[in-house]
Each structure stands twice: as C-alpha cells, then as structure tokens.
C-alpha cells in the first residue's frame, strides 16, 4: 500500500529535471532526483535512495526486517557510469560502466561485499567472508568471475572460485572450484537455462573427507565422473552419471566404486555399478523407480566378499548371486520374488552354501524350494565328541510370516537338527533374529549333526 507520492519536476527545451520524487509505502520507500537531456546522446544524471521490506526468507537469513541502499548513474547512452551500494543489513558496493546502449549494450562491472552471516533456521549460521563478483561483455558474449570463502554450518571454511563465459542463454565455459580442509571439488563444462535448463559437467574431487558429513565414515577419497542432465517443460528431470570412478580409503579399507547410472523422471537405470574393497567385490545392475509405486528389478553379485569390516560379528568370505524383483504397495505390502542362485563360502566360522527362491506375498513369504548346507566350526560343547560336523537340509514349499524368532546361533528356527537341551556352548557367534521357518526340515539322518548335537 502506498501512503504518499510527492513530485517536483520541470522541463525546458534542453532538459527535463526531477528535483524530487518521493514514494512512501508500506513495503518500500524511494527518494529520486534526476536530470536528462532531450537530445542525443541524451546526457543524464540521477541519484536514488531506497528502502525495502525483506521477504520472510531473507529477513530470517539476514536477521533484519529491511534493506536500504543508494544508486547513482551519470553519463549518456554512449558511456554511462554506475555506482551503487547496499548499506544495510549487509554492505555491498558495485561500480562500472555501460557502453553503446543504443546498439549492442555492453558492460564492465565489479561488485564487492564485506563479510556477513546468513542464519539457517534451526540449524545455525553460514559465514560468508568478503568477496567479489566481476562481469564484463555483452548479451552475446560475456564473462564472469566469483571469488569468496564460505563456512557452512559445522564444516570448515571452503574457498569458492567460479568463472564462466557465455551469452544470454547459456554458459559455454563454466568452471567451479571448491577447496578447503575437507578436500577439493571441481566442476567444468557447460550449463544452459534457455529454452530449458540443461548441463554437461565433468566432476573431479581430490582428497575428499566424508567424515565431515558422517563421523562414522572417516577416510579420504578421489572422484572422477561426468554428470549431464536436463529439465523438460513439465519440470521432469533426466540425469546421466557416466564414467564414475570413486577411489581411496574409507573406514580403514581401500575402496573403489565404478560404473554408470541413468535417471529418467522417476525411473533409475543401473547398467552396472561395481564396488571393490579389501573384503571383496560387489556388482549391482538393474532398474528401480518410485512411480506409480516403488518397484525394482535388481541383480547383485558378490565375489570374495568379507562382511566383517562392516558387520563385525560376521567375518568370512562369500560368493553370492542374488536377484530381486517386486513392488511396494500400500501398508508396506511387498509383492515380488527373490532368487538366490549361488551362495558359497565361509561366514562366522561356518562353511556355508545355498540356493533357492522365495515369493513375497504382501506381508508373507512363500518358499517354493531352497537348499542349504552349514558346517559350523565355532559352536561346540565342552564334551567335544567326535564325528562329522555338518548339517544339510532342504526347505519344501511352505509359507511363513515376517514375525522374527530367535534361534540357537548357527541354526534356523524350528529345525529338526538341534543341540542337546543342556549343551554348554563355549563360543556363540552373535547373530540377529531370523524368520520363523515353520516349513524347514533338516536331513540329519543322512549327514550327522555337529558334535554334541542330536536330532530333535
């Protein structure tokens, strides 16, 4: 709402003058004086003092309700000088020149700001140190540079260097470098905002510290990849991650992640991602999405995998081939199938092998067929009887629910192959609850149970 406008102006054959123009409004105030010639090249001079009420987000960030500043221009349409500044709640100054405004407008501008703090509600401050923004050129060919240092929330200070060259629709040359105690991250390539946003960037990272984001992930990593993407007229995102190579140390382990992935709207496609660590190799491929409902069709392969570094109670070495396809419906009902075509190796002191498949039926599980074999080495009674230490079994077509049930370490619940009631186990590998397999049977009549164990 405007409360008052006051104008005092005059004109003659040579010039028009605004001795004063004041506007008093709820959300802004203006105070302008100006003079302009009425013949080419139209000499002019103007000064403007202004005040505006800040939008809510800016008011919270700068901890202020209003901003104020001044603008001064002088010259003509061949060469026009500009100086302006924000005086509160932060201090920013800019100066430069505009050229050939009647033909191809060009500019040479420099902006500088003093250090300020931006408050993030319920999280804390982001400190921005003194910096500068430079821009020169015209709408068809211009360059820009940004130099500053930012300290975001609980992270160390990050030096930011941005350079670009482009036109009114895109930056054909774009370079962004971020460096600090957490490592160095760089982007180089091109970006477009008209007619629709799109980008094609090479991303590099050196000596990156993921422990700054999560203390549980200490290490240092190097990153090389290419990221391209676009937004269509409906705001749907397309994204391509190519030639991914992430390598280094994480939680004391050598790590390397390589491969590629693609996102089309709500569908994620993974032609192949391979994770190699000291404890083996994992490869994932397939598709997944979240519309109209979460769904997936994935294949996972593991070779010489040691779960121990991540699950300390489950050391070993495993080869595994697993596929899963399904969907998630209302009330967390899962429908689909899981197929284990290969499981072989050692786990928590046991030689294990298995294969099988299961059907996910809403809140239940059906097991048409599966086989397993376990040779526990760590579970033994103090009596230490002799004999073969193995137990093999098959799982016939049965159904079960998701209700978890505890079992003796190393054995499926409700197995007919169980330890004697009063056996004194000297070592029990820790394990979480397992599914209550009411249909599981063990062939203890043909292969003897472990020492100290007896048929149930």
Protein backbone atom coordinates (compact mmCIF):
# COMPACT_ATOMS: atom_id res chain seq x y z
CA UNK A 1 0.00 0.00 0.00
CA UNK A 2 1.34 3.45 -0.99
CA UNK A 3 0.80 6.16 1.59
CA UNK A 4 2.13 9.18 -0.27
CA UNK A 5 3.78 10.28 -3.54
CA UNK A 6 5.43 13.69 -3.85
CA UNK A 7 6.84 15.01 -7.15
CA UNK A 8 8.53 18.27 -8.07
CA UNK A 9 9.69 18.43 -11.72
CA UNK A 10 10.32 20.83 -14.57
CA UNK A 11 11.31 20.83 -18.25
CA UNK A 12 12.59 23.21 -20.92
CA UNK A 13 13.84 22.88 -24.47
CA UNK A 14 17.14 21.27 -23.40
CA UNK A 15 16.39 19.01 -20.43
CA UNK A 16 13.87 17.51 -18.05
CA UNK A 17 14.50 17.68 -14.32
CA UNK A 18 13.11 15.81 -11.34
CA UNK A 19 14.07 17.86 -8.34
CA UNK A 20 12.46 15.35 -6.03
CA UNK A 21 10.27 12.26 -6.29
CA UNK A 22 9.43 10.54 -3.04
CA UNK A 23 7.29 7.47 -2.59
CA UNK A 24 6.23 6.37 0.89
CA UNK A 25 4.75 2.85 1.00
CA UNK A 26 4.30 0.04 3.49
CA UNK A 27 6.91 -2.20 1.89
CA UNK A 28 9.27 0.35 0.31
CA UNK A 29 10.41 3.98 0.20
CA UNK A 30 12.03 5.82 -2.76
CA UNK A 31 13.73 9.21 -2.97
CA UNK A 32 14.84 10.17 -6.51
CA UNK A 33 16.42 13.22 -8.12
CA UNK A 34 17.40 13.26 -11.80
CA UNK A 35 18.20 15.32 -14.87
CA UNK A 36 18.12 14.16 -18.53
CA UNK A 37 18.97 15.96 -21.74
CA UNK A 38 16.44 15.88 -24.57
CA UNK A 39 18.89 15.49 -27.49
CA UNK A 40 21.39 12.80 -28.49
CA UNK A 41 23.37 11.32 -26.87
CA UNK A 42 20.91 12.13 -24.03
CA UNK A 43 23.17 13.11 -21.15
CA UNK A 44 21.76 12.15 -17.78
CA UNK A 45 22.40 12.13 -14.08
CA UNK A 46 20.34 10.51 -11.32
CA UNK A 47 20.54 9.60 -7.64
CA UNK A 48 18.19 7.20 -5.86
CA UNK A 49 17.92 6.29 -2.20
CA UNK A 50 15.78 3.25 -1.44
CA UNK A 51 14.42 1.09 1.35
CA UNK A 52 12.52 -2.21 1.02
CA UNK A 53 10.95 -4.64 3.44
CA UNK A 54 12.68 -8.00 3.05
CA UNK A 55 10.77 -11.19 2.17
CA UNK A 56 10.41 -13.58 5.08
CA UNK A 57 13.18 -15.96 3.96
CA UNK A 58 15.70 -13.13 3.51
CA UNK A 59 14.64 -11.50 6.78
CA UNK A 60 15.30 -14.72 8.67
CA UNK A 61 18.60 -15.33 6.92
CA UNK A 62 19.97 -11.81 7.47
CA UNK A 63 18.25 -11.30 10.83
CA UNK A 64 16.77 -7.99 9.65
CA UNK A 65 13.40 -6.71 8.51
CA UNK A 66 14.58 -4.11 5.97
CA UNK A 67 17.34 -3.37 3.48
CA UNK A 68 18.48 0.01 2.26
CA UNK A 69 20.94 1.47 -0.22
CA UNK A 70 21.79 4.10 -2.86
CA UNK A 71 22.27 4.20 -6.66
CA UNK A 72 24.00 6.85 -8.77
CA UNK A 73 24.27 6.99 -12.58
CA UNK A 74 25.96 9.60 -14.75
CA UNK A 75 26.85 9.90 -18.43
CA UNK A 76 24.98 9.35 -21.68
CA UNK A 77 23.91 6.50 -23.94
CA UNK A 78 27.43 6.09 -25.30
CA UNK A 79 29.03 5.73 -21.88
CA UNK A 80 27.14 5.52 -18.62
CA UNK A 81 28.85 5.07 -15.24
CA UNK A 82 27.14 3.29 -12.37
CA UNK A 83 27.88 3.19 -8.67
CA UNK A 84 25.57 1.64 -6.12
CA UNK A 85 25.63 0.07 -2.70
CA UNK A 86 23.63 -1.80 -0.11
CA UNK A 87 24.12 -0.15 3.27
CA UNK A 88 22.07 -2.48 5.49
CA UNK A 89 21.75 -5.20 6.69
CA UNK A 90 24.96 -6.13 4.84
CA UNK A 91 27.42 -3.92 3.00
CA UNK A 92 27.87 -4.38 -0.76
CA UNK A 93 29.22 -1.92 -3.32
CA UNK A 94 29.27 -2.01 -7.10
CA UNK A 95 30.70 0.19 -9.79
CA UNK A 96 31.38 0.10 -13.50
CA UNK A 97 30.34 1.28 -16.94
CA UNK A 98 27.75 0.56 -19.62
CA UNK A 99 28.71 1.18 -23.27
CA UNK A 100 26.88 1.63 -26.62
CA UNK A 101 23.40 1.36 -25.12
CA UNK A 102 21.77 2.32 -28.45
CA UNK A 103 23.45 -0.51 -30.39
CA UNK A 104 24.83 -3.58 -28.65
CA UNK A 105 24.77 -2.85 -24.91
CA UNK A 106 27.99 -3.87 -23.14
CA UNK A 107 29.19 -3.57 -19.55
CA UNK A 108 32.18 -3.80 -17.28
CA UNK A 109 31.07 -4.17 -13.66
CA UNK A 110 32.67 -5.09 -10.33
CA UNK A 111 30.86 -5.86 -7.08
CA UNK A 112 32.45 -6.26 -3.65
CA UNK A 113 30.93 -7.23 -0.33
CA UNK A 114 32.06 -7.29 3.26
CA UNK A 115 31.82 -10.38 5.45
CA UNK A 116 28.31 -11.27 6.64
CA UNK A 117 26.41 -14.16 8.22
CA UNK A 118 23.35 -15.98 6.90
CA UNK A 119 21.22 -17.70 9.54
CA UNK A 120 19.69 -21.06 8.65
CA UNK A 121 16.63 -21.55 10.93
CA UNK A 122 17.05 -24.36 13.47
CA UNK A 123 20.50 -25.23 12.10
CA UNK A 124 22.90 -22.35 12.59
CA UNK A 125 24.90 -19.68 10.79
CA UNK A 126 26.69 -19.77 7.43
CA UNK A 127 29.58 -17.32 7.41
CA UNK A 128 30.43 -15.59 4.11
CA UNK A 129 33.75 -13.79 4.00
CA UNK A 130 34.50 -10.70 1.91
CA UNK A 131 34.37 -11.43 -1.81
CA UNK A 132 33.88 -10.04 -5.28
CA UNK A 133 31.86 -10.63 -8.45
CA UNK A 134 33.20 -9.38 -11.79
CA UNK A 135 31.29 -9.28 -15.08
CA UNK A 136 32.23 -7.93 -18.49
CA UNK A 137 30.97 -8.25 -22.07
CA UNK A 138 27.57 -8.08 -23.78
CA UNK A 139 24.50 -10.26 -24.10
CA UNK A 140 26.09 -12.31 -26.90
CA UNK A 141 29.48 -12.84 -25.24
CA UNK A 142 30.20 -12.10 -21.60
CA UNK A 143 32.46 -13.36 -18.81
CA UNK A 144 32.01 -13.54 -15.07
CA UNK A 145 34.14 -14.34 -12.03
CA UNK A 146 33.19 -15.02 -8.42
CA UNK A 147 35.66 -15.25 -5.55
CA UNK A 148 34.69 -15.78 -1.89
CA UNK A 149 35.02 -18.06 1.13
CA UNK A 150 32.06 -19.71 2.85
CA UNK A 151 31.94 -21.54 6.18
CA UNK A 152 28.76 -23.68 6.04
CA UNK A 153 27.29 -24.65 9.43
CA UNK A 154 29.63 -27.15 11.15
CA UNK A 155 32.00 -27.55 8.18
CA UNK A 156 35.43 -25.94 7.76
CA UNK A 157 35.80 -22.86 5.55
CA UNK A 158 35.51 -23.50 1.80
CA UNK A 159 37.16 -21.29 -0.81
CA UNK A 160 34.91 -20.83 -3.87
CA UNK A 161 36.20 -19.80 -7.31
CA UNK A 162 33.69 -19.57 -10.19
CA UNK A 163 34.42 -18.49 -13.77
CA UNK A 164 32.20 -18.59 -16.83
CA UNK A 165 31.78 -17.40 -20.39
CA UNK A 166 28.55 -17.41 -22.38
CA UNK A 167 25.60 -15.48 -23.70
CA UNK A 168 22.04 -14.68 -22.69
CA UNK A 169 21.00 -18.36 -22.89
CA UNK A 170 23.92 -20.40 -21.61
CA UNK A 171 27.47 -20.60 -20.29
CA UNK A 172 29.56 -22.47 -22.83
CA UNK A 173 32.55 -22.43 -20.47
CA UNK A 174 31.88 -22.98 -16.79
CA UNK A 175 34.38 -23.77 -14.05
CA UNK A 176 33.73 -24.08 -10.31
CA UNK A 177 36.44 -24.93 -7.76
CA UNK A 178 35.74 -25.52 -4.05
CA UNK A 179 38.67 -26.18 -1.73
CA UNK A 180 39.32 -26.46 2.00
CA UNK A 181 40.21 -28.87 4.77
CA UNK A 182 37.65 -31.39 3.51
CA UNK A 183 39.36 -31.64 0.10
CA UNK A 184 38.99 -30.16 -3.35
CA UNK A 185 35.94 -30.42 -5.63
CA UNK A 186 35.79 -29.13 -9.20
CA UNK A 187 33.17 -28.83 -11.95
CA UNK A 188 33.95 -27.95 -15.55
CA UNK A 189 31.68 -27.91 -18.59
CA UNK A 190 28.60 -26.06 -19.80
CA UNK A 191 25.19 -25.08 -18.45
CA UNK A 192 22.05 -23.71 -20.13
CA UNK A 193 18.93 -22.03 -18.75
CA UNK A 194 17.09 -21.21 -22.01
CA UNK A 195 14.97 -22.55 -23.57
CA UNK A 196 15.12 -25.21 -20.82
CA UNK A 197 17.72 -25.91 -18.10
CA UNK A 198 20.44 -28.40 -19.11
CA UNK A 199 24.04 -29.13 -18.10
CA UNK A 200 27.05 -31.26 -19.03
CA UNK A 201 29.80 -31.25 -16.41
CA UNK A 202 32.98 -33.11 -15.60
CA UNK A 203 33.25 -33.55 -11.82
CA UNK A 204 36.57 -34.12 -10.04
CA UNK A 205 37.30 -34.48 -6.36
CA UNK A 206 40.64 -34.88 -4.61
CA UNK A 207 41.38 -35.80 -1.01
CA UNK A 208 37.67 -35.58 -0.07
CA UNK A 209 36.87 -36.29 3.59
CA UNK A 210 33.44 -37.97 4.01
CA UNK A 211 33.98 -37.98 7.77
CA UNK A 212 32.98 -34.31 7.84
CA UNK A 213 29.48 -35.31 6.71
CA UNK A 214 29.32 -38.51 8.79
CA UNK A 215 31.80 -39.26 11.61
CA UNK A 216 31.15 -42.98 11.02
CA UNK A 217 32.81 -42.72 7.59
CA UNK A 218 36.37 -41.47 8.12
CA UNK A 219 38.67 -41.57 5.11
CA UNK A 220 39.94 -39.74 2.05
CA UNK A 221 38.53 -40.24 -1.45
CA UNK A 222 39.21 -39.16 -5.04
CA UNK A 223 36.35 -38.73 -7.51
CA UNK A 224 36.12 -38.55 -11.31
CA UNK A 225 32.83 -38.67 -13.21
CA UNK A 226 30.69 -36.89 -15.80
CA UNK A 227 27.21 -35.60 -14.96
CA UNK A 228 24.78 -34.44 -17.64
CA UNK A 229 21.09 -33.72 -17.38
CA UNK A 230 18.10 -31.55 -18.21
CA UNK A 231 14.68 -30.44 -17.04
CA UNK A 232 11.81 -30.70 -19.55
CA UNK A 233 8.84 -28.35 -19.89
CA UNK A 234 6.97 -30.25 -17.14
CA UNK A 235 9.89 -29.99 -14.73
CA UNK A 236 10.82 -33.68 -15.06
CA UNK A 237 14.48 -34.48 -14.52
CA UNK A 238 16.80 -36.51 -16.75
CA UNK A 239 20.23 -37.27 -15.33
CA UNK A 240 23.19 -39.33 -16.56
CA UNK A 241 26.14 -40.38 -14.41
CA UNK A 242 28.94 -41.67 -16.63
CA UNK A 243 32.48 -42.97 -16.15
CA UNK A 244 32.16 -42.91 -12.36
CA UNK A 245 35.44 -43.61 -10.54
CA UNK A 246 35.43 -43.08 -6.77
CA UNK A 247 38.52 -44.46 -5.00
CA UNK A 248 40.51 -44.09 -1.80
CA UNK A 249 40.32 -45.12 1.85
CA UNK A 250 37.09 -45.42 3.85
CA UNK A 251 36.97 -46.71 7.44
CA UNK A 252 40.47 -48.09 7.01
CA UNK A 253 39.55 -50.04 3.87
CA UNK A 254 40.70 -49.48 0.31
CA UNK A 255 37.62 -48.70 -1.77
CA UNK A 256 36.76 -48.20 -5.42
CA UNK A 257 33.32 -47.58 -6.93
CA UNK A 258 32.95 -47.51 -10.71
CA UNK A 259 30.18 -47.68 -13.30
CA UNK A 260 27.28 -45.58 -14.54
CA UNK A 261 23.62 -44.83 -13.83
CA UNK A 262 20.72 -43.01 -15.52
CA UNK A 263 17.63 -41.28 -14.15
CA UNK A 264 14.61 -40.62 -16.35
CA UNK A 265 11.83 -38.86 -14.46
CA UNK A 266 11.03 -41.43 -11.73
CA UNK A 267 12.94 -44.39 -13.22
CA UNK A 268 16.53 -45.19 -12.23
CA UNK A 269 18.54 -47.49 -14.51
CA UNK A 270 21.86 -49.00 -13.42
CA UNK A 271 23.74 -50.67 -16.30
CA UNK A 272 26.43 -51.57 -13.80
CA UNK A 273 27.96 -50.31 -10.54
CA UNK A 274 30.92 -52.18 -9.07
CA UNK A 275 32.20 -51.68 -5.52
CA UNK A 276 35.64 -53.16 -4.82
CA UNK A 277 37.05 -53.19 -1.29
CA UNK A 278 39.73 -55.09 0.58
CA UNK A 279 36.99 -57.51 1.52
CA UNK A 280 35.85 -58.40 -2.00
CA UNK A 281 33.73 -57.05 -4.82
CA UNK A 282 30.02 -56.22 -5.26
CA UNK A 283 28.29 -55.58 -8.60
CA UNK A 284 24.76 -54.16 -8.92
CA UNK A 285 22.67 -53.76 -12.07
CA UNK A 286 19.00 -53.35 -12.89
CA UNK A 287 16.23 -50.77 -12.66
CA UNK A 288 14.13 -49.17 -9.94
CA UNK A 289 11.58 -46.42 -9.57
CA UNK A 290 9.02 -44.81 -7.30
CA UNK A 291 6.02 -44.11 -9.54
CA UNK A 292 3.23 -45.05 -9.66
CA UNK A 293 4.59 -47.12 -6.73
CA UNK A 294 8.08 -48.14 -5.59
CA UNK A 295 9.33 -51.03 -7.76
CA UNK A 296 12.62 -52.75 -8.61
CA UNK A 297 14.28 -55.41 -10.73
CA UNK A 298 17.85 -55.80 -9.48
CA UNK A 299 20.73 -58.25 -9.70
CA UNK A 300 23.51 -58.37 -7.13
CA UNK A 301 26.73 -60.36 -7.42
CA UNK A 302 29.43 -60.67 -4.75
CA UNK A 303 32.87 -62.21 -5.12
CA UNK A 304 35.27 -62.98 -2.26
CA UNK A 305 33.19 -60.68 -0.05
CA UNK A 306 34.09 -60.26 3.63
CA UNK A 307 31.19 -58.76 5.62
CA UNK A 308 33.41 -58.47 8.72
CA UNK A 309 34.62 -54.88 8.31
CA UNK A 310 31.00 -53.67 8.20
CA UNK A 311 29.34 -56.36 10.39
CA UNK A 312 32.00 -57.32 12.90
CA UNK A 313 30.11 -60.41 14.12
CA UNK A 314 30.01 -61.88 10.60
CA UNK A 315 33.56 -62.23 9.27
CA UNK A 316 34.13 -64.58 6.35
CA UNK A 317 34.43 -64.84 2.58
CA UNK A 318 31.41 -65.31 0.34
CA UNK A 319 30.47 -65.63 -3.32
CA UNK A 320 26.85 -64.71 -4.00
CA UNK A 321 24.46 -64.24 -6.91
CA UNK A 322 21.09 -62.77 -5.98
CA UNK A 323 18.21 -61.25 -7.95
CA UNK A 324 15.10 -59.50 -6.69
CA UNK A 325 12.07 -58.03 -8.44
CA UNK A 326 8.95 -56.60 -6.91
CA UNK A 327 6.90 -53.63 -5.84
CA UNK A 328 5.82 -51.93 -2.63
CA UNK A 329 2.12 -51.26 -2.21
CA UNK A 330 0.00 -49.61 0.45
CA UNK A 331 0.51 -50.63 4.09
CA UNK A 332 4.09 -51.68 3.26
CA UNK A 333 2.85 -54.76 1.42
CA UNK A 334 5.71 -56.21 -0.65
CA UNK A 335 4.99 -58.33 -3.74
CA UNK A 336 7.71 -59.93 -5.80
CA UNK A 337 10.33 -62.62 -5.82
CA UNK A 338 13.86 -63.16 -4.56
CA UNK A 339 16.13 -65.73 -6.17
CA UNK A 340 19.43 -66.91 -4.71
CA UNK A 341 21.26 -68.80 -7.45
CA UNK A 342 24.54 -69.06 -5.59
CA UNK A 343 25.82 -68.71 -2.02
CA UNK A 344 29.13 -70.29 -1.16
CA UNK A 345 31.99 -69.61 1.23
CA UNK A 346 32.62 -69.09 4.92
CA UNK A 347 30.69 -66.98 7.40
CA UNK A 348 31.28 -66.56 11.14
CA UNK A 349 33.41 -69.68 11.25
CA UNK A 350 31.00 -71.82 9.19
CA UNK A 351 31.37 -73.16 5.71
CA UNK A 352 28.05 -72.32 4.06
CA UNK A 353 26.38 -72.87 0.73
CA UNK A 354 22.86 -72.46 -0.51
CA UNK A 355 20.43 -71.63 -3.25
CA UNK A 356 16.71 -71.11 -3.52
CA UNK A 357 13.91 -68.71 -4.18
CA UNK A 358 11.12 -67.04 -2.29
CA UNK A 359 7.92 -65.26 -3.24
CA UNK A 360 6.99 -62.07 -1.38
CA UNK A 361 3.23 -62.01 -0.87
CA UNK A 362 2.19 -58.76 0.76
CA UNK A 363 3.08 -59.37 4.40
CA UNK A 364 4.08 -63.01 3.97
CA UNK A 365 6.73 -65.18 2.38
CA UNK A 366 6.46 -68.37 0.34
CA UNK A 367 9.48 -70.63 -0.28
CA UNK A 368 8.82 -72.94 -3.25
CA UNK A 369 12.26 -74.53 -2.97
CA UNK A 370 15.62 -73.92 -1.36
CA UNK A 371 18.65 -75.87 -0.21
CA UNK A 372 21.36 -75.05 2.28
CA UNK A 373 24.40 -76.56 3.90
CA UNK A 374 26.22 -75.40 7.01
CA UNK A 375 29.32 -76.79 8.72
CA UNK A 376 29.64 -74.81 11.96
CA UNK A 377 33.16 -74.61 13.32
CA UNK A 378 32.72 -72.30 16.26
CA UNK A 379 29.81 -73.94 18.12
CA UNK A 380 30.98 -76.94 20.14
CA UNK A 381 30.15 -78.44 23.51
CA UNK A 382 32.70 -78.90 26.27
CA UNK A 383 32.38 -82.68 25.82
CA UNK A 384 33.90 -82.29 22.34
CA UNK A 385 32.54 -85.55 20.87
CA UNK A 386 34.00 -86.72 17.58
CA UNK A 387 32.34 -87.22 14.23
CA UNK A 388 31.35 -85.26 11.14
CA UNK A 389 30.29 -81.71 11.90
CA UNK A 390 27.70 -80.85 9.28
CA UNK A 391 24.02 -80.48 8.82
CA UNK A 392 22.31 -80.18 5.44
CA UNK A 393 18.68 -79.50 4.74
CA UNK A 394 16.02 -78.62 2.24
CA UNK A 395 13.10 -76.27 2.52
CA UNK A 396 9.99 -77.61 0.88
CA UNK A 397 7.12 -75.47 -0.34
CA UNK A 398 5.97 -73.63 2.77
CA UNK A 399 4.68 -70.25 3.78
CA UNK A 400 5.68 -68.07 6.69
CA UNK A 401 5.10 -64.56 8.02
CA UNK A 402 7.50 -61.75 8.79
CA UNK A 403 7.39 -62.50 12.54
CA UNK A 404 11.00 -62.85 13.74
CA UNK A 405 12.01 -65.63 16.11
CA UNK A 406 15.25 -66.27 17.95
CA UNK A 407 17.25 -69.42 17.32
CA UNK A 408 20.39 -71.09 18.57
CA UNK A 409 23.43 -69.45 16.95
CA UNK A 410 24.12 -71.01 13.60
CA UNK A 411 20.78 -72.85 13.22
CA UNK A 412 17.46 -71.98 11.60
CA UNK A 413 14.45 -71.77 13.90
CA UNK A 414 12.30 -74.89 14.18
CA UNK A 415 14.96 -77.09 12.56
CA UNK A 416 14.78 -80.77 13.43
CA UNK A 417 18.56 -80.65 13.84
CA UNK A 418 19.17 -79.04 17.24
CA UNK A 419 21.76 -79.13 20.04
CA UNK A 420 21.05 -81.17 23.20
CA UNK A 421 18.97 -79.28 25.75
CA UNK A 422 21.80 -78.87 28.29
CA UNK A 423 24.73 -78.39 25.94
CA UNK A 424 27.27 -75.88 27.28
CA UNK A 425 28.33 -73.88 24.23
CA UNK A 426 31.78 -72.38 24.74
CA UNK A 427 31.54 -70.00 21.76
CA UNK A 428 28.40 -68.49 20.31
CA UNK A 429 28.77 -66.25 17.26
CA UNK A 430 26.33 -63.38 17.67
CA UNK A 431 23.52 -63.28 15.13
CA UNK A 432 20.27 -61.36 14.78
CA UNK A 433 16.78 -62.93 14.92
CA UNK A 434 15.81 -64.97 11.87
CA UNK A 435 12.49 -65.68 10.18
CA UNK A 436 10.39 -68.41 11.75
CA UNK A 437 10.70 -71.05 9.01
CA UNK A 438 7.91 -73.36 10.05
CA UNK A 439 8.41 -75.48 6.93
CA UNK A 440 12.17 -76.10 7.26
CA UNK A 441 13.39 -79.69 7.58
CA UNK A 442 16.95 -80.94 8.10
CA UNK A 443 18.32 -84.19 6.70
CA UNK A 444 20.11 -85.25 9.87
CA UNK A 445 19.50 -88.90 9.16
CA UNK A 446 21.95 -88.95 6.25
CA UNK A 447 24.52 -86.41 7.40
CA UNK A 448 25.32 -86.39 11.09
CA UNK A 449 24.76 -83.27 13.16
CA UNK A 450 27.61 -81.33 14.76
CA UNK A 451 29.42 -82.77 17.78
CA UNK A 452 27.23 -82.60 20.84
CA UNK A 453 24.10 -82.10 18.75
CA UNK A 454 21.35 -84.61 18.37
CA UNK A 455 18.31 -84.99 16.16
CA UNK A 456 15.38 -83.01 17.58
